[in-house]
């Protein structure tokens, strides 16, 4: 399931109340590997009407979706359906398995999308993290928590009153629907465009590399969900520096698998990392294409699905860029 956008400049293509002329697909689309194609995930009661003609896109009033605290996306009734302004997401999303919903943190707002009901809601109570972009989130089903780490493009006061340009580490309590900042002794260096994944065997979050804004990173960090503390991997082998790569966790092998991404050029190599042994391994074959890609894994089939920056000639669905 995908929601959000990248690639429109709202100064030229519209904002929340001045949608663009073109609607290439609905706000939400889903991919069924058994069918092999993307489809619109239309609201209940609107399937027939919106299958004939899609509703307008309502995008957050910002430049390229980089939303400061003064431009938070709205959640409001549009065309008879409660929908949030489309905004850039990157990896700031997680699947809440217990409640069958997606949780998005974008532009300083926390939204939930119920997959079965196909409805949106505001699930952010109390204090929230800075409205970062290009951070990363992952869900811990054992603790019923979501971790948010990394990200940038903000300049707002933190809890201590000092101006910060990144998040630190935040935990979202899915039952209470509240954020809280984790008190960590050490933090990974600030980074963007680096996904976070949950290793269920070792009860830990793992993040590799990312864009440090002045340089690309090649470090691996582990966040222990028991102690709620970060530690840096000491593995002697691992991927070269990069950002914009994909990362998934394969429960059967216990591997965190990363691949693709970019530095000055697209990268297509693929690697595995084992938390328990603290070691990295190069995998074969390579991914079909690099640059900024995202992925998910179908655990029963052990099938990784990538969305990429290319598509077949004549395909008008902007989301239909898939391996």
Protein backbone atom coordinates (compact mmCIF):
# COMPACT_ATOMS: atom_id res chain seq x y z
CA UNK A 1 0.00 0.00 0.00
CA UNK A 2 1.37 3.43 -0.91
CA UNK A 3 0.24 6.92 0.01
CA UNK A 4 1.93 10.29 -0.43
CA UNK A 5 3.78 11.90 -3.27
CA UNK A 6 7.02 13.30 -4.50
CA UNK A 7 7.64 15.22 -7.69
CA UNK A 8 5.10 18.04 -7.65
CA UNK A 9 6.06 21.63 -6.82
CA UNK A 10 2.90 23.04 -5.32
CA UNK A 11 3.85 26.59 -6.29
CA UNK A 12 3.15 25.55 -9.89
CA UNK A 13 0.88 22.54 -9.54
CA UNK A 14 -1.53 23.52 -6.79
CA UNK A 15 -2.03 23.13 -3.06
CA UNK A 16 -4.75 21.93 -0.68
CA UNK A 17 -7.52 24.06 -2.19
CA UNK A 18 -6.17 24.46 -5.73
CA UNK A 19 -5.60 20.90 -6.98
CA UNK A 20 -3.63 20.20 -10.17
CA UNK A 21 -5.43 19.53 -13.41
CA UNK A 22 -4.13 15.97 -13.70
CA UNK A 23 -5.07 13.07 -11.40
CA UNK A 24 -2.91 10.10 -12.49
CA UNK A 25 -4.12 7.82 -9.68
CA UNK A 26 -5.95 7.97 -6.35
CA UNK A 27 -4.21 9.07 -3.13
CA UNK A 28 -3.77 5.42 -2.10
CA UNK A 29 -2.72 2.54 -4.31
CA UNK A 30 -1.95 -1.09 -3.53
CA UNK A 31 0.02 -3.86 -5.19
CA UNK A 32 -1.05 -7.51 -5.16
CA UNK A 33 1.92 -9.74 -6.15
CA UNK A 34 -0.48 -12.46 -7.33
CA UNK A 35 -2.04 -10.02 -9.81
CA UNK A 36 1.16 -8.16 -10.65
CA UNK A 37 -0.22 -4.65 -10.91
CA UNK A 38 -1.04 -1.52 -8.91
CA UNK A 39 -4.67 -0.64 -8.23
CA UNK A 40 -6.43 2.31 -6.62
CA UNK A 41 -7.51 1.71 -2.99
CA UNK A 42 -10.78 3.66 -3.18
CA UNK A 43 -12.97 4.48 -0.16
CA UNK A 44 -15.98 2.31 0.65
CA UNK A 45 -19.02 3.72 -1.12
CA UNK A 46 -16.95 5.59 -3.70
CA UNK A 47 -15.62 2.66 -5.73
CA UNK A 48 -18.05 2.90 -8.62
CA UNK A 49 -18.11 6.70 -8.86
CA UNK A 50 -14.36 7.23 -8.52
CA UNK A 51 -13.53 4.31 -10.81
CA UNK A 52 -15.18 6.33 -13.57
CA UNK A 53 -13.51 9.64 -12.65
CA UNK A 54 -10.92 10.09 -9.92
CA UNK A 55 -11.30 12.96 -7.44
CA UNK A 56 -8.81 15.86 -7.40
CA UNK A 57 -5.47 15.57 -5.61
CA UNK A 58 -5.14 17.88 -2.60
CA UNK A 59 -1.49 18.44 -1.80
CA UNK A 60 0.07 20.07 1.23
CA UNK A 61 0.86 23.76 0.79
CA UNK A 62 4.62 23.45 0.60
CA UNK A 63 7.57 23.21 -1.75
CA UNK A 64 8.11 19.59 -2.79
CA UNK A 65 6.30 18.43 0.33
CA UNK A 66 9.04 19.69 2.66
CA UNK A 67 6.75 20.98 5.34
CA UNK A 68 7.86 23.25 8.15
CA UNK A 69 5.91 23.61 11.36
CA UNK A 70 3.91 26.48 9.91
CA UNK A 71 2.58 24.30 7.06
CA UNK A 72 1.22 21.14 8.58
CA UNK A 73 -1.04 19.03 6.34
CA UNK A 74 -4.78 19.17 6.97
CA UNK A 75 -7.19 16.30 7.53
CA UNK A 76 -10.57 17.41 6.25
CA UNK A 77 -13.64 16.38 4.26
CA UNK A 78 -12.97 16.53 0.53
CA UNK A 79 -15.42 15.28 -2.08
CA UNK A 80 -17.39 13.61 0.72
CA UNK A 81 -14.42 11.69 2.20
CA UNK A 82 -12.16 12.56 5.16
CA UNK A 83 -8.70 12.73 3.56
CA UNK A 84 -5.35 14.28 4.51
CA UNK A 85 -3.43 16.63 2.22
CA UNK A 86 -0.97 14.59 0.21
CA UNK A 87 2.54 15.12 1.48
CA UNK A 88 5.98 13.63 1.06
CA UNK A 89 6.46 10.50 3.20
CA UNK A 90 9.74 8.72 2.36
CA UNK A 91 10.13 6.04 5.08
CA UNK A 92 8.10 7.78 7.79
CA UNK A 93 5.41 5.11 7.84
CA UNK A 94 4.82 1.80 9.58
CA UNK A 95 2.25 -0.98 9.55
CA UNK A 96 0.46 -1.42 12.89
CA UNK A 97 -0.25 -5.13 12.56
CA UNK A 98 -2.36 -5.38 15.72
CA UNK A 99 -4.94 -2.87 14.37
CA UNK A 100 -4.47 -3.47 10.63
CA UNK A 101 -3.64 0.14 9.91
CA UNK A 102 -0.85 2.24 8.45
CA UNK A 103 0.67 4.99 10.60
CA UNK A 104 2.18 8.00 8.81
CA UNK A 105 4.17 10.84 10.34
CA UNK A 106 4.43 13.71 7.87
CA UNK A 107 4.62 17.47 8.22
CA UNK A 108 4.35 17.20 12.01
CA UNK A 109 1.05 15.27 11.86
CA UNK A 110 0.32 11.65 12.76
CA UNK A 111 -2.33 10.00 10.58
CA UNK A 112 -3.70 6.46 10.56
CA UNK A 113 -5.26 4.67 7.60
CA UNK A 114 -7.45 1.66 8.39
CA UNK A 115 -6.84 -0.86 5.63
CA UNK A 116 -10.05 -2.81 6.19
CA UNK A 117 -12.33 0.22 6.65
CA UNK A 118 -10.43 2.42 4.16
CA UNK A 119 -10.79 5.41 6.47
CA UNK A 120 -8.38 8.07 7.79
CA UNK A 121 -8.04 9.43 11.33
CA UNK A 122 -5.81 11.78 13.31
CA UNK A 123 -3.93 9.70 15.90
CA UNK A 124 -1.48 12.24 17.25
CA UNK A 125 -2.14 13.27 20.86
CA UNK A 126 0.02 15.57 22.94
CA UNK A 127 3.64 16.39 22.09
CA UNK A 128 4.90 15.32 18.67
CA UNK A 129 8.38 15.06 17.13
CA UNK A 130 9.65 17.94 14.96
CA UNK A 131 8.05 17.90 11.48
CA UNK A 132 11.01 16.18 9.85
CA UNK A 133 11.15 14.70 6.38
CA UNK A 134 13.15 11.70 5.11
CA UNK A 135 13.34 10.08 8.54
CA UNK A 136 12.39 6.44 9.10
CA UNK A 137 9.82 4.49 11.13
CA UNK A 138 9.31 0.81 11.99
CA UNK A 139 6.83 -1.10 14.14
CA UNK A 140 7.70 -3.40 17.04
CA UNK A 141 4.76 -5.83 17.42
CA UNK A 142 6.13 -7.20 20.70
CA UNK A 143 6.12 -3.83 22.43
CA UNK A 144 3.30 -2.34 20.31
CA UNK A 145 5.56 0.64 19.62
CA UNK A 146 6.73 2.53 16.54
CA UNK A 147 10.24 4.00 16.46
CA UNK A 148 10.98 7.22 14.53
CA UNK A 149 14.64 8.04 13.90
CA UNK A 150 16.60 10.37 11.64
CA UNK A 151 15.21 12.92 9.21
CA UNK A 152 15.87 16.60 8.67
CA UNK A 153 14.68 19.80 6.96
CA UNK A 154 13.43 21.39 10.18
CA UNK A 155 14.61 24.18 12.41
CA UNK A 156 12.39 24.12 15.48
CA UNK A 157 12.89 24.19 19.22
CA UNK A 158 13.22 20.79 20.87
CA UNK A 159 12.01 19.86 24.34
CA UNK A 160 15.08 21.57 25.81
CA UNK A 161 14.34 24.82 23.93
CA UNK A 162 17.32 24.54 21.59
CA UNK A 163 16.88 24.68 17.82
CA UNK A 164 17.24 21.24 16.25
CA UNK A 165 17.42 20.08 12.66
CA UNK A 166 16.61 16.42 13.25
CA UNK A 167 14.51 14.22 15.51
CA UNK A 168 16.63 12.20 17.86
CA UNK A 169 14.74 8.97 18.66
CA UNK A 170 11.00 8.99 19.32
CA UNK A 171 8.62 6.20 20.35
CA UNK A 172 4.94 6.08 19.39
CA UNK A 173 2.66 4.11 21.72
CA UNK A 174 0.12 2.57 19.35
CA UNK A 175 -2.41 1.85 22.09
CA UNK A 176 -2.25 5.31 23.66
CA UNK A 177 -1.63 7.08 20.35
CA UNK A 178 1.05 9.28 21.90
CA UNK A 179 4.66 10.15 21.07
CA UNK A 180 7.48 10.36 23.59
CA UNK A 181 11.18 11.05 23.10
CA UNK A 182 13.49 8.21 24.08
CA UNK A 183 16.21 9.03 26.61
CA UNK A 184 19.26 7.57 24.92
CA UNK A 185 22.87 7.78 26.05
CA UNK A 186 24.16 7.93 22.48
CA UNK A 187 22.47 8.70 19.15
CA UNK A 188 23.43 7.78 15.59
CA UNK A 189 24.72 10.79 13.63
CA UNK A 190 21.88 12.72 11.91
CA UNK A 191 20.83 11.18 8.60
CA UNK A 192 18.10 11.22 5.98
CA UNK A 193 16.80 8.70 3.42
CA UNK A 194 17.78 5.60 5.38
CA UNK A 195 15.06 3.04 6.23
CA UNK A 196 14.61 1.44 9.64
CA UNK A 197 13.59 -2.22 10.06
CA UNK A 198 12.60 -4.40 13.03
CA UNK A 199 14.52 -7.63 13.69
CA UNK A 200 11.96 -9.79 15.52
CA UNK A 201 14.48 -12.48 16.51
CA UNK A 202 16.74 -10.04 18.33
CA UNK A 203 14.06 -7.51 19.36
CA UNK A 204 15.99 -4.67 17.77
CA UNK A 205 15.67 -1.92 15.18
CA UNK A 206 18.41 -1.67 12.55
CA UNK A 207 19.40 1.29 10.38
CA UNK A 208 22.23 1.51 7.85
CA UNK A 209 23.81 4.49 6.13
CA UNK A 210 21.92 7.51 4.86
CA UNK A 211 22.46 11.04 3.65
CA UNK A 212 24.35 13.09 6.24
CA UNK A 213 23.82 16.20 4.04
CA UNK A 214 27.55 16.87 3.84
CA UNK A 215 28.47 13.23 3.13
CA UNK A 216 26.98 9.75 2.70
CA UNK A 217 27.11 7.33 5.62
CA UNK A 218 28.14 3.66 5.78
CA UNK A 219 27.53 2.87 9.46
CA UNK A 220 25.10 0.36 10.97
CA UNK A 221 23.27 1.10 14.22
CA UNK A 222 21.10 -1.17 16.38
CA UNK A 223 18.37 0.09 18.74
CA UNK A 224 17.65 -2.49 21.44
CA UNK A 225 13.93 -2.41 22.22
CA UNK A 226 14.51 -3.80 25.72
CA UNK A 227 17.06 -1.26 26.95
CA UNK A 228 15.91 1.37 24.42
CA UNK A 229 19.51 2.25 23.71
CA UNK A 230 21.54 2.54 20.51
CA UNK A 231 24.82 0.78 19.80
CA UNK A 232 27.00 0.90 16.72
CA UNK A 233 27.84 -2.26 14.81
CA UNK A 234 31.48 -3.31 14.80
CA UNK A 235 31.10 -5.58 11.76
CA UNK A 236 34.25 -5.76 9.63
CA UNK A 237 32.35 -5.99 6.33
CA UNK A 238 29.30 -4.20 5.02
CA UNK A 239 27.88 -2.11 2.20
CA UNK A 240 29.59 1.02 0.92
CA UNK A 241 28.10 4.39 1.87
CA UNK A 242 24.70 5.27 0.36
CA UNK A 243 21.26 6.76 0.86
CA UNK A 244 17.88 6.09 -0.71
CA UNK A 245 18.32 2.30 -0.46
CA UNK A 246 15.70 -0.26 0.52
CA UNK A 247 15.79 -2.37 3.69
CA UNK A 248 13.64 -5.36 4.67
CA UNK A 249 13.82 -8.08 7.33
CA UNK A 250 13.61 -11.78 6.42
CA UNK A 251 12.43 -13.65 9.51
CA UNK A 252 13.45 -17.10 8.26
CA UNK A 253 17.13 -16.23 7.78
CA UNK A 254 17.25 -13.48 10.39
CA UNK A 255 18.80 -11.17 7.80
CA UNK A 256 18.29 -7.46 7.41
CA UNK A 257 18.60 -7.07 3.62
CA UNK A 258 19.51 -3.77 1.99
CA UNK A 259 20.14 -2.88 -1.61
CA UNK A 260 20.22 -0.17 -4.23
CA UNK A 261 20.33 3.49 -3.34
CA UNK A 262 22.72 6.16 -4.50
CA UNK A 263 25.74 8.34 -3.79
CA UNK A 264 26.78 10.33 -6.85
CA UNK A 265 25.54 7.47 -9.01
CA UNK A 266 22.83 4.79 -8.65
CA UNK A 267 23.90 1.64 -6.79
CA UNK A 268 22.63 -1.88 -7.46
CA UNK A 269 24.47 -4.11 -4.97
CA UNK A 270 22.61 -6.04 -2.24
CA UNK A 271 23.77 -6.99 1.27
CA UNK A 272 22.59 -8.89 4.35
CA UNK A 273 23.31 -8.06 7.99
CA UNK A 274 22.91 -10.38 10.99
CA UNK A 275 22.40 -8.66 14.33
CA UNK A 276 23.23 -11.73 16.47
CA UNK A 277 26.58 -12.31 14.76
CA UNK A 278 27.19 -8.65 13.95
CA UNK A 279 28.32 -9.42 10.43
CA UNK A 280 27.53 -8.26 6.91
CA UNK A 281 27.50 -10.37 3.72
CA UNK A 282 27.28 -9.41 0.06
CA UNK A 283 24.38 -11.08 -1.75
CA UNK A 284 23.84 -12.05 -5.37
CA UNK A 285 22.32 -11.15 -7.77
CA UNK A 286 22.18 -7.36 -7.73
CA UNK A 287 18.94 -5.36 -7.71
CA UNK A 288 17.61 -4.35 -11.15
CA UNK A 289 17.96 -0.62 -10.59
CA UNK A 290 19.31 1.79 -8.01
CA UNK A 291 18.57 5.41 -7.15
CA UNK A 292 15.85 6.14 -4.59
CA UNK A 293 13.83 2.95 -4.14
CA UNK A 294 11.59 1.43 -1.49
CA UNK A 295 10.59 -2.14 -0.78
CA UNK A 296 8.56 -4.53 1.32
CA UNK A 297 8.72 -8.27 1.83
CA UNK A 298 5.93 -10.85 1.64
CA UNK A 299 7.16 -13.09 4.48
CA UNK A 300 5.16 -16.20 3.54
CA UNK A 301 6.58 -16.18 0.00
CA UNK A 302 9.92 -14.59 0.96
CA UNK A 303 9.33 -12.23 -1.95
CA UNK A 304 10.81 -8.72 -2.00
CA UNK A 305 8.84 -6.16 -4.00
CA UNK A 306 10.66 -2.98 -5.07
CA UNK A 307 9.21 0.29 -6.28
CA UNK A 308 11.72 2.09 -8.45
CA UNK A 309 12.22 5.17 -10.59
CA UNK A 310 11.53 3.50 -13.94
CA UNK A 311 8.49 1.99 -15.63
CA UNK A 312 7.35 0.49 -18.92
CA UNK A 313 6.83 2.73 -21.97
CA UNK A 314 3.24 3.96 -22.21
CA UNK A 315 2.42 3.28 -18.54
CA UNK A 316 0.62 6.34 -17.18
CA UNK A 317 0.36 5.18 -13.54
CA UNK A 318 3.14 7.01 -11.72
CA UNK A 319 3.13 4.37 -8.99
CA UNK A 320 3.53 1.52 -11.47
CA UNK A 321 7.30 1.32 -11.24
CA UNK A 322 7.91 -2.13 -9.87
CA UNK A 323 10.21 -5.15 -9.71
